[in-house]
Amino acid sequence: MSEHSIIDICVEPIELCNLLKIANMVDGGGEAKTMISAGNVLVNNEVVVQKRKKIRRGDIIECNGKIIEIAYNPSKKSAEFISTVVLASKNSKKKKRAKSKARIIASKTVTEPSTES
């Protein structure tokens, strides 16, 4: 087996596309998703096309010629990981608010009585 790095994760499981970003195997989330969809990422020596595949300790990931092994360390939280989680949480809340506002507007237009005579 070739040499590989060990990456500590503080949350288990972690989604594959997020792991590739945190491990600096790709430049961004879009690139991670493209690489996965194209079949260029191996998990435990098997091609994976699931962008949100759950990765756990002991899994071995290969992408762009780099190989990493996943270790679980709940006390080690990098600033990049924390900002990724916070950003994902904020985006999720924005989407939920937008959907609820759309429902409220739609229900108002249906329930308001017609003023035309």
N, C-alpha and C. Protein backbone atom coordinates (compact mmCIF):
# COMPACT_ATOMS: atom_id res chain seq x y z
N MET A 1 0.85 -1.18 0.00
CA MET A 1 0.00 0.00 0.00
C MET A 1 0.89 1.25 0.00
N SER A 2 0.48 2.27 -0.72
CA SER A 2 1.27 3.49 -0.78
C SER A 2 1.09 4.31 0.49
N GLU A 3 1.98 5.28 0.66
CA GLU A 3 1.90 6.12 1.85
C GLU A 3 0.68 7.02 1.78
N HIS A 4 0.12 7.29 2.95
CA HIS A 4 -1.04 8.17 3.00
C HIS A 4 -1.01 9.01 4.27
N SER A 5 -1.74 10.10 4.22
CA SER A 5 -1.86 11.00 5.37
C SER A 5 -3.03 10.56 6.23
N ILE A 6 -2.99 10.95 7.48
CA ILE A 6 -4.12 10.69 8.38
C ILE A 6 -4.79 12.03 8.67
N ILE A 7 -6.08 12.09 8.45
CA ILE A 7 -6.87 13.30 8.69
C ILE A 7 -7.78 13.05 9.89
N ASP A 8 -7.69 13.93 10.88
CA ASP A 8 -8.58 13.84 12.05
C ASP A 8 -9.87 14.58 11.75
N ILE A 9 -10.99 13.92 12.01
CA ILE A 9 -12.28 14.59 11.91
C ILE A 9 -12.87 14.69 13.30
N CYS A 10 -13.66 15.72 13.54
CA CYS A 10 -14.22 15.90 14.87
C CYS A 10 -15.71 15.57 14.90
N VAL A 11 -16.27 15.26 13.75
CA VAL A 11 -17.68 14.88 13.66
C VAL A 11 -17.74 13.60 12.84
N GLU A 12 -18.48 12.64 13.34
CA GLU A 12 -18.61 11.39 12.61
C GLU A 12 -20.08 11.02 12.54
N PRO A 13 -20.61 10.71 11.37
CA PRO A 13 -19.96 10.68 10.07
C PRO A 13 -19.86 12.09 9.48
N ILE A 14 -19.05 12.21 8.44
CA ILE A 14 -18.91 13.47 7.70
C ILE A 14 -19.19 13.17 6.24
N GLU A 15 -19.80 14.12 5.54
CA GLU A 15 -20.12 13.91 4.13
C GLU A 15 -18.84 14.00 3.29
N LEU A 16 -18.78 13.15 2.28
CA LEU A 16 -17.58 13.06 1.45
C LEU A 16 -17.20 14.40 0.83
N CYS A 17 -18.17 15.14 0.27
CA CYS A 17 -17.83 16.42 -0.38
C CYS A 17 -17.25 17.41 0.63
N ASN A 18 -17.75 17.42 1.86
CA ASN A 18 -17.20 18.31 2.89
C ASN A 18 -15.80 17.87 3.31
N LEU A 19 -15.60 16.58 3.40
CA LEU A 19 -14.29 16.05 3.79
C LEU A 19 -13.22 16.44 2.77
N LEU A 20 -13.54 16.34 1.49
CA LEU A 20 -12.56 16.69 0.46
C LEU A 20 -12.13 18.16 0.58
N LYS A 21 -13.08 19.04 0.93
CA LYS A 21 -12.74 20.45 1.12
C LYS A 21 -11.86 20.63 2.35
N ILE A 22 -12.26 20.05 3.46
CA ILE A 22 -11.54 20.22 4.72
C ILE A 22 -10.13 19.64 4.64
N ALA A 23 -9.98 18.54 3.91
CA ALA A 23 -8.67 17.90 3.77
C ALA A 23 -7.81 18.57 2.70
N ASN A 24 -8.33 19.64 2.09
CA ASN A 24 -7.61 20.37 1.03
C ASN A 24 -7.24 19.48 -0.15
N MET A 25 -8.10 18.53 -0.46
CA MET A 25 -7.87 17.68 -1.63
C MET A 25 -8.44 18.34 -2.88
N VAL A 26 -9.33 19.32 -2.70
CA VAL A 26 -9.91 20.10 -3.79
C VAL A 26 -9.93 21.56 -3.35
N ASP A 27 -10.16 22.45 -4.32
CA ASP A 27 -10.17 23.88 -4.00
C ASP A 27 -11.49 24.35 -3.39
N GLY A 28 -12.59 23.72 -3.76
CA GLY A 28 -13.88 24.16 -3.25
C GLY A 28 -14.93 23.09 -3.34
N GLY A 29 -16.12 23.42 -2.85
CA GLY A 29 -17.22 22.46 -2.82
C GLY A 29 -17.69 22.06 -4.21
N GLY A 30 -17.71 23.02 -5.14
CA GLY A 30 -18.12 22.71 -6.50
C GLY A 30 -17.19 21.70 -7.16
N GLU A 31 -15.90 21.92 -6.94
CA GLU A 31 -14.92 20.99 -7.51
C GLU A 31 -15.06 19.61 -6.86
N ALA A 32 -15.32 19.58 -5.57
CA ALA A 32 -15.49 18.30 -4.87
C ALA A 32 -16.65 17.52 -5.46
N LYS A 33 -17.78 18.19 -5.65
CA LYS A 33 -18.96 17.53 -6.19
C LYS A 33 -18.74 17.05 -7.62
N THR A 34 -18.01 17.86 -8.41
CA THR A 34 -17.72 17.46 -9.78
C THR A 34 -16.82 16.24 -9.82
N MET A 35 -15.78 16.25 -8.98
CA MET A 35 -14.86 15.11 -8.93
C MET A 35 -15.58 13.82 -8.53
N ILE A 36 -16.48 13.94 -7.56
CA ILE A 36 -17.23 12.76 -7.09
C ILE A 36 -18.15 12.26 -8.19
N SER A 37 -18.91 13.18 -8.80
CA SER A 37 -19.86 12.80 -9.86
C SER A 37 -19.15 12.15 -11.05
N ALA A 38 -17.94 12.60 -11.35
CA ALA A 38 -17.18 12.06 -12.47
C ALA A 38 -16.56 10.70 -12.16
N GLY A 39 -16.66 10.26 -10.91
CA GLY A 39 -16.10 8.97 -10.53
C GLY A 39 -14.61 9.01 -10.27
N ASN A 40 -14.09 10.19 -9.93
CA ASN A 40 -12.65 10.34 -9.68
C ASN A 40 -12.27 10.20 -8.22
N VAL A 41 -13.19 9.76 -7.38
CA VAL A 41 -12.91 9.62 -5.95
C VAL A 41 -13.16 8.16 -5.55
N LEU A 42 -12.19 7.61 -4.83
CA LEU A 42 -12.32 6.24 -4.32
C LEU A 42 -12.46 6.28 -2.81
N VAL A 43 -13.38 5.48 -2.30
CA VAL A 43 -13.53 5.29 -0.86
C VAL A 43 -13.33 3.80 -0.61
N ASN A 44 -12.31 3.49 0.16
CA ASN A 44 -11.95 2.09 0.43
C ASN A 44 -11.76 1.30 -0.87
N ASN A 45 -11.06 1.92 -1.82
CA ASN A 45 -10.73 1.31 -3.12
C ASN A 45 -11.94 1.03 -4.01
N GLU A 46 -13.06 1.71 -3.78
CA GLU A 46 -14.24 1.59 -4.63
C GLU A 46 -14.65 2.97 -5.12
N VAL A 47 -14.99 3.07 -6.40
CA VAL A 47 -15.45 4.35 -6.95
C VAL A 47 -16.78 4.71 -6.30
N VAL A 48 -16.87 5.97 -5.89
CA VAL A 48 -18.09 6.47 -5.25
C VAL A 48 -18.59 7.66 -6.04
N VAL A 49 -19.90 7.70 -6.29
CA VAL A 49 -20.50 8.84 -6.98
C VAL A 49 -21.53 9.56 -6.11
N GLN A 50 -21.66 9.12 -4.86
CA GLN A 50 -22.56 9.78 -3.91
C GLN A 50 -21.83 10.97 -3.29
N LYS A 51 -22.30 12.19 -3.57
CA LYS A 51 -21.62 13.38 -3.05
C LYS A 51 -21.69 13.46 -1.53
N ARG A 52 -22.78 12.99 -0.97
CA ARG A 52 -22.97 13.11 0.48
C ARG A 52 -22.74 11.78 1.20
N LYS A 53 -21.97 10.91 0.60
CA LYS A 53 -21.66 9.62 1.23
C LYS A 53 -21.08 9.86 2.61
N LYS A 54 -21.55 9.11 3.57
CA LYS A 54 -21.08 9.27 4.95
C LYS A 54 -19.74 8.56 5.13
N ILE A 55 -18.77 9.33 5.59
CA ILE A 55 -17.41 8.82 5.80
C ILE A 55 -17.16 8.70 7.30
N ARG A 56 -16.56 7.58 7.69
CA ARG A 56 -16.31 7.31 9.11
C ARG A 56 -14.84 6.97 9.33
N ARG A 57 -14.44 6.90 10.60
CA ARG A 57 -13.05 6.56 10.94
C ARG A 57 -12.65 5.24 10.29
N GLY A 58 -11.41 5.20 9.84
CA GLY A 58 -10.89 4.00 9.20
C GLY A 58 -11.07 3.97 7.70
N ASP A 59 -11.96 4.83 7.15
CA ASP A 59 -12.15 4.88 5.70
C ASP A 59 -10.90 5.47 5.05
N ILE A 60 -10.61 4.99 3.85
CA ILE A 60 -9.47 5.49 3.09
C ILE A 60 -10.00 6.15 1.83
N ILE A 61 -9.62 7.41 1.63
CA ILE A 61 -10.13 8.21 0.52
C ILE A 61 -8.98 8.50 -0.44
N GLU A 62 -9.23 8.34 -1.74
CA GLU A 62 -8.22 8.66 -2.75
C GLU A 62 -8.84 9.63 -3.76
N CYS A 63 -8.14 10.75 -3.97
CA CYS A 63 -8.61 11.78 -4.89
C CYS A 63 -7.40 12.58 -5.39
N ASN A 64 -7.35 12.82 -6.69
CA ASN A 64 -6.24 13.60 -7.28
C ASN A 64 -4.87 13.03 -6.94
N GLY A 65 -4.76 11.73 -6.83
CA GLY A 65 -3.48 11.11 -6.53
C GLY A 65 -3.09 11.16 -5.06
N LYS A 66 -3.91 11.79 -4.23
CA LYS A 66 -3.64 11.86 -2.79
C LYS A 66 -4.48 10.81 -2.08
N ILE A 67 -3.90 10.22 -1.05
CA ILE A 67 -4.61 9.20 -0.27
C ILE A 67 -4.61 9.65 1.18
N ILE A 68 -5.80 9.61 1.80
CA ILE A 68 -5.91 9.94 3.22
C ILE A 68 -6.68 8.85 3.95
N GLU A 69 -6.33 8.68 5.21
CA GLU A 69 -7.07 7.78 6.09
C GLU A 69 -7.76 8.64 7.13
N ILE A 70 -8.98 8.26 7.49
CA ILE A 70 -9.77 9.06 8.41
C ILE A 70 -9.61 8.54 9.83
N ALA A 71 -9.32 9.48 10.74
CA ALA A 71 -9.26 9.17 12.17
C ALA A 71 -10.25 10.08 12.87
N TYR A 72 -10.82 9.61 13.95
CA TYR A 72 -11.83 10.38 14.69
C TYR A 72 -11.21 10.98 15.93
N ASN A 73 -11.27 12.30 16.05
CA ASN A 73 -10.75 13.01 17.21
C ASN A 73 -11.73 14.13 17.54
N PRO A 74 -12.70 13.88 18.41
CA PRO A 74 -13.76 14.87 18.67
C PRO A 74 -13.26 16.16 19.29
N SER A 75 -12.07 16.17 19.86
CA SER A 75 -11.58 17.39 20.50
C SER A 75 -10.85 18.32 19.52
N LYS A 76 -10.56 17.84 18.33
CA LYS A 76 -9.79 18.64 17.36
C LYS A 76 -10.75 19.24 16.32
N LYS A 77 -11.06 20.51 16.52
CA LYS A 77 -11.95 21.21 15.59
C LYS A 77 -11.18 22.36 14.96
N SER A 78 -10.94 22.25 13.67
CA SER A 78 -10.20 23.31 12.97
C SER A 78 -11.12 24.50 12.71
N ALA A 79 -10.53 25.65 12.55
CA ALA A 79 -11.30 26.86 12.26
C ALA A 79 -12.04 26.71 10.93
N GLU A 80 -11.39 26.06 9.96
CA GLU A 80 -12.03 25.86 8.66
C GLU A 80 -13.25 24.97 8.80
N PHE A 81 -13.14 23.91 9.61
CA PHE A 81 -14.28 23.01 9.81
C PHE A 81 -15.43 23.76 10.46
N ILE A 82 -15.13 24.52 11.50
CA ILE A 82 -16.17 25.24 12.22
C ILE A 82 -16.86 26.24 11.29
N SER A 83 -16.09 26.98 10.48
CA SER A 83 -16.71 27.94 9.56
C SER A 83 -17.56 27.24 8.51
N THR A 84 -17.14 26.04 8.06
CA THR A 84 -17.93 25.28 7.09
C THR A 84 -19.26 24.87 7.69
N VAL A 85 -19.25 24.39 8.93
CA VAL A 85 -20.47 23.96 9.60
C VAL A 85 -21.39 25.15 9.84
N VAL A 86 -20.84 26.28 10.30
CA VAL A 86 -21.64 27.47 10.57
C VAL A 86 -22.26 28.00 9.28
N LEU A 87 -21.49 28.04 8.20
CA LEU A 87 -21.99 28.53 6.93
C LEU A 87 -23.12 27.63 6.42
N ALA A 88 -22.94 26.32 6.51
CA ALA A 88 -23.98 25.39 6.07
C ALA A 88 -25.26 25.58 6.88
N SER A 89 -25.11 25.81 8.17
CA SER A 89 -26.26 26.03 9.04
C SER A 89 -27.01 27.31 8.66
N LYS A 90 -26.26 28.39 8.40
CA LYS A 90 -26.88 29.67 8.02
C LYS A 90 -27.62 29.53 6.69
N ASN A 91 -26.99 28.86 5.72
CA ASN A 91 -27.63 28.68 4.41
C ASN A 91 -28.91 27.87 4.53
N SER A 92 -28.88 26.86 5.38
CA SER A 92 -30.07 26.03 5.59
C SER A 92 -31.22 26.86 6.18
N LYS A 93 -30.90 27.72 7.14
CA LYS A 93 -31.92 28.56 7.76
C LYS A 93 -32.49 29.55 6.75
N LYS A 94 -31.64 30.13 5.89
CA LYS A 94 -32.11 31.07 4.88
C LYS A 94 -33.09 30.39 3.93
N LYS A 95 -32.77 29.17 3.50
CA LYS A 95 -33.65 28.44 2.59
C LYS A 95 -34.98 28.15 3.25
N LYS A 96 -34.96 27.76 4.53
CA LYS A 96 -36.21 27.46 5.23
C LYS A 96 -37.07 28.71 5.35
N ARG A 97 -36.44 29.87 5.66
CA ARG A 97 -37.18 31.13 5.77
C ARG A 97 -37.80 31.51 4.44
N ALA A 98 -37.05 31.36 3.37
CA ALA A 98 -37.54 31.72 2.04
C ALA A 98 -38.74 30.85 1.66
N LYS A 99 -38.68 29.56 1.97
CA LYS A 99 -39.79 28.66 1.67
C LYS A 99 -41.02 29.03 2.48
N SER A 100 -40.84 29.33 3.77
CA SER A 100 -42.00 29.66 4.61
C SER A 100 -42.62 30.98 4.17
N LYS A 101 -41.80 31.97 3.76
CA LYS A 101 -42.33 33.24 3.26
C LYS A 101 -43.13 33.01 1.98
N ALA A 102 -42.63 32.15 1.11
CA ALA A 102 -43.33 31.86 -0.13
C ALA A 102 -44.68 31.23 0.15
N ARG A 103 -44.75 30.34 1.14
CA ARG A 103 -46.02 29.70 1.51
C ARG A 103 -47.00 30.72 2.07
N ILE A 104 -46.50 31.64 2.90
CA ILE A 104 -47.37 32.66 3.49
C ILE A 104 -47.94 33.56 2.41
N ILE A 105 -47.11 34.00 1.49
CA ILE A 105 -47.56 34.87 0.40
C ILE A 105 -48.58 34.13 -0.47
N ALA A 106 -48.30 32.87 -0.76
CA ALA A 106 -49.22 32.09 -1.58
C ALA A 106 -50.55 31.90 -0.88
N SER A 107 -50.56 31.66 0.43
CA SER A 107 -51.81 31.45 1.15
C SER A 107 -52.60 32.75 1.26
N LYS A 108 -51.93 33.89 1.36
CA LYS A 108 -52.62 35.18 1.42
C LYS A 108 -53.35 35.47 0.13
N THR A 109 -52.72 35.17 -1.00
CA THR A 109 -53.36 35.45 -2.28
C THR A 109 -54.56 34.56 -2.49
N VAL A 110 -54.55 33.39 -1.93
CA VAL A 110 -55.68 32.47 -2.08
C VAL A 110 -56.81 32.84 -1.13
N THR A 111 -56.51 33.27 0.09
CA THR A 111 -57.54 33.50 1.10
C THR A 111 -58.14 34.90 1.08
N GLU A 112 -57.49 35.87 0.41
CA GLU A 112 -58.05 37.23 0.39
C GLU A 112 -59.27 37.27 -0.52
N PRO A 113 -60.37 37.87 -0.05
CA PRO A 113 -61.58 37.93 -0.86
C PRO A 113 -61.41 38.90 -2.02
N SER A 114 -62.12 38.60 -3.06
CA SER A 114 -62.03 39.44 -4.26
C SER A 114 -62.80 40.74 -4.03
N THR A 115 -62.25 41.87 -4.45
CA THR A 115 -62.90 43.17 -4.26
C THR A 115 -63.54 43.65 -5.56
N GLU A 116 -63.48 42.83 -6.59
CA GLU A 116 -64.08 43.24 -7.86
C GLU A 116 -65.58 43.04 -7.82
N SER A 117 -66.36 43.96 -8.44
CA SER A 117 -67.82 43.87 -8.46
C SER A 117 -68.34 43.70 -9.85
